[in-house]
Amino acid sequence: MSPTNPQNLVRHELIGLNAKVVKTMNRQLEGLVGKVIDETRNTLILFNGAKNMIVPKDVVSFNFYLPNGDVVRVDGKRLIGRAEDRIKMKVRNWR
């Protein structure tokens, strides 16, 4: 598979990327920052250096920070599903 870039982020592994919650209806989640350490069907688990934070995918938008320095904003609803299934899906408009 090709390296992670802004065009194929949704179809790649998210574990290991730094992420920030940038838009949500839940004010307690807004601004959370951390490294993605695990992923379930409906949540991402972020580690901020002190504790793990469970963030539901369906109510937030994330900024993902790629290793090459790019920042990609993704609506969490586009990430719902198991990682192994998301890799196989076809994505038209992922933003």
C-alpha atoms as a PDB file:
ATOM      1  CA  MET A   1       0.000   0.000   0.000  1.00  0.00           C
ATOM      2  CA  SER A   2       1.202   3.514  -0.725  1.00  0.00           C
ATOM      3  CA  PRO A   3       2.443   5.856   2.031  1.00  0.00           C
ATOM      4  CA  THR A   4      -0.136   7.809   3.978  1.00  0.00           C
ATOM      5  CA  ASN A   5      -1.040  11.105   2.325  1.00  0.00           C
ATOM      6  CA  PRO A   6      -4.014  13.504   2.487  1.00  0.00           C
ATOM      7  CA  GLN A   7      -5.798  11.725  -0.371  1.00  0.00           C
ATOM      8  CA  ASN A   8      -5.711   8.226   1.138  1.00  0.00           C
ATOM      9  CA  LEU A   9      -5.702   8.866   4.906  1.00  0.00           C
ATOM     10  CA  VAL A  10      -9.197   7.447   5.455  1.00  0.00           C
ATOM     11  CA  ARG A  11      -8.091   4.118   3.963  1.00  0.00           C
ATOM     12  CA  HIS A  12      -4.892   3.865   6.036  1.00  0.00           C
ATOM     13  CA  GLU A  13      -4.035   2.812   9.556  1.00  0.00           C
ATOM     14  CA  LEU A  14      -4.595   5.672  12.020  1.00  0.00           C
ATOM     15  CA  ILE A  15      -2.726   4.165  14.962  1.00  0.00           C
ATOM     16  CA  GLY A  16       0.465   6.097  15.575  1.00  0.00           C
ATOM     17  CA  LEU A  17      -0.753   9.395  14.096  1.00  0.00           C
ATOM     18  CA  ASN A  18      -1.171  12.498  16.212  1.00  0.00           C
ATOM     19  CA  ALA A  19      -4.726  13.825  16.227  1.00  0.00           C
ATOM     20  CA  LYS A  20      -6.691  16.776  17.538  1.00  0.00           C
ATOM     21  CA  VAL A  21     -10.454  17.123  18.028  1.00  0.00           C
ATOM     22  CA  VAL A  22     -11.300  20.359  16.232  1.00  0.00           C
ATOM     23  CA  LYS A  23     -15.080  20.368  15.935  1.00  0.00           C
ATOM     24  CA  THR A  24     -17.691  18.685  18.079  1.00  0.00           C
ATOM     25  CA  MET A  25     -21.053  19.250  19.674  1.00  0.00           C
ATOM     26  CA  ASN A  26     -19.608  18.038  23.008  1.00  0.00           C
ATOM     27  CA  ARG A  27     -17.540  20.887  24.465  1.00  0.00           C
ATOM     28  CA  GLN A  28     -15.663  18.495  26.783  1.00  0.00           C
ATOM     29  CA  LEU A  29     -14.049  16.812  23.782  1.00  0.00           C
ATOM     30  CA  GLU A  30     -13.130  19.965  21.862  1.00  0.00           C
ATOM     31  CA  GLY A  31      -9.394  20.602  21.713  1.00  0.00           C
ATOM     32  CA  LEU A  32      -8.291  17.140  22.884  1.00  0.00           C
ATOM     33  CA  VAL A  33      -4.884  16.282  21.464  1.00  0.00           C
ATOM     34  CA  GLY A  34      -2.979  13.018  21.509  1.00  0.00           C
ATOM     35  CA  LYS A  35      -1.492  10.092  19.671  1.00  0.00           C
ATOM     36  CA  VAL A  36      -3.911   7.464  18.366  1.00  0.00           C
ATOM     37  CA  ILE A  37      -3.042   4.301  20.278  1.00  0.00           C
ATOM     38  CA  ASP A  38      -6.081   2.164  19.485  1.00  0.00           C
ATOM     39  CA  GLU A  39      -9.199   2.150  17.373  1.00  0.00           C
ATOM     40  CA  THR A  40     -12.526   0.390  17.682  1.00  0.00           C
ATOM     41  CA  ARG A  41     -15.505   0.479  15.359  1.00  0.00           C
ATOM     42  CA  ASN A  42     -16.919   3.659  16.902  1.00  0.00           C
ATOM     43  CA  THR A  43     -14.050   5.235  18.875  1.00  0.00           C
ATOM     44  CA  LEU A  44     -10.456   6.380  18.733  1.00  0.00           C
ATOM     45  CA  ILE A  45      -8.320   6.145  21.842  1.00  0.00           C
ATOM     46  CA  LEU A  46      -5.897   9.060  22.176  1.00  0.00           C
ATOM     47  CA  PHE A  47      -2.960   9.166  24.589  1.00  0.00           C
ATOM     48  CA  ASN A  48      -1.840  12.650  25.619  1.00  0.00           C
ATOM     49  CA  GLY A  49       1.203  11.666  27.700  1.00  0.00           C
ATOM     50  CA  ALA A  50      -0.718  11.338  30.944  1.00  0.00           C
ATOM     51  CA  LYS A  51      -3.901   9.387  30.243  1.00  0.00           C
ATOM     52  CA  ASN A  52      -5.964   7.645  27.590  1.00  0.00           C
ATOM     53  CA  MET A  53      -8.988   9.472  26.223  1.00  0.00           C
ATOM     54  CA  ILE A  54     -11.806   7.677  24.398  1.00  0.00           C
ATOM     55  CA  VAL A  55     -13.277   9.826  21.623  1.00  0.00           C
ATOM     56  CA  PRO A  56     -16.413   8.772  19.714  1.00  0.00           C
ATOM     57  CA  LYS A  57     -15.901   9.047  15.966  1.00  0.00           C
ATOM     58  CA  ASP A  58     -19.438   9.999  14.978  1.00  0.00           C
ATOM     59  CA  VAL A  59     -19.697  13.377  16.765  1.00  0.00           C
ATOM     60  CA  VAL A  60     -16.315  14.976  16.023  1.00  0.00           C
ATOM     61  CA  SER A  61     -14.024  16.220  13.281  1.00  0.00           C
ATOM     62  CA  PHE A  62     -10.333  15.420  13.635  1.00  0.00           C
ATOM     63  CA  ASN A  63      -7.135  17.027  12.433  1.00  0.00           C
ATOM     64  CA  PHE A  64      -4.585  14.298  11.741  1.00  0.00           C
ATOM     65  CA  TYR A  65      -0.915  15.258  11.600  1.00  0.00           C
ATOM     66  CA  LEU A  66       0.938  13.164   9.024  1.00  0.00           C
ATOM     67  CA  PRO A  67       4.653  12.313   9.336  1.00  0.00           C
ATOM     68  CA  ASN A  68       5.472  14.539   6.331  1.00  0.00           C
ATOM     69  CA  GLY A  69       3.997  17.589   8.108  1.00  0.00           C
ATOM     70  CA  ASP A  70       0.613  17.696   6.353  1.00  0.00           C
ATOM     71  CA  VAL A  71      -2.501  18.339   8.429  1.00  0.00           C
ATOM     72  CA  VAL A  72      -5.686  16.629   7.265  1.00  0.00           C
ATOM     73  CA  ARG A  73      -9.176  17.371   8.614  1.00  0.00           C
ATOM     74  CA  VAL A  74     -11.544  14.390   8.535  1.00  0.00           C
ATOM     75  CA  ASP A  75     -15.164  14.143   9.637  1.00  0.00           C
ATOM     76  CA  GLY A  76     -15.302  11.323  12.173  1.00  0.00           C
ATOM     77  CA  LYS A  77     -18.392   9.854  10.508  1.00  0.00           C
ATOM     78  CA  ARG A  78     -16.114   8.886   7.593  1.00  0.00           C
ATOM     79  CA  LEU A  79     -14.026   6.807  10.003  1.00  0.00           C
ATOM     80  CA  ILE A  80     -16.832   4.711  11.503  1.00  0.00           C
ATOM     81  CA  GLY A  81     -16.168   1.035  11.020  1.00  0.00           C
ATOM     82  CA  ARG A  82     -13.423  -1.413  11.763  1.00  0.00           C
ATOM     83  CA  ALA A  83     -10.011  -0.422  10.459  1.00  0.00           C
ATOM     84  CA  GLU A  84      -9.680  -3.596   8.401  1.00  0.00           C
ATOM     85  CA  ASP A  85     -13.020  -2.901   6.675  1.00  0.00           C
ATOM     86  CA  ARG A  86     -12.305   0.796   6.148  1.00  0.00           C
ATOM     87  CA  ILE A  87      -9.107  -0.050   4.273  1.00  0.00           C
ATOM     88  CA  LYS A  88     -11.140  -1.984   1.683  1.00  0.00           C
ATOM     89  CA  MET A  89     -13.924   0.568   1.162  1.00  0.00           C
ATOM     90  CA  LYS A  90     -14.164   2.939  -1.753  1.00  0.00           C
ATOM     91  CA  VAL A  91     -14.072   6.604  -0.769  1.00  0.00           C
ATOM     92  CA  ARG A  92     -15.351   9.365  -3.003  1.00  0.00           C
ATOM     93  CA  ASN A  93     -15.562  12.483  -0.855  1.00  0.00           C
ATOM     94  CA  TRP A  94     -13.810  11.922   2.470  1.00  0.00           C
ATOM     95  CA  ARG A  95     -13.689  15.456   3.851  1.00  0.00           C
END
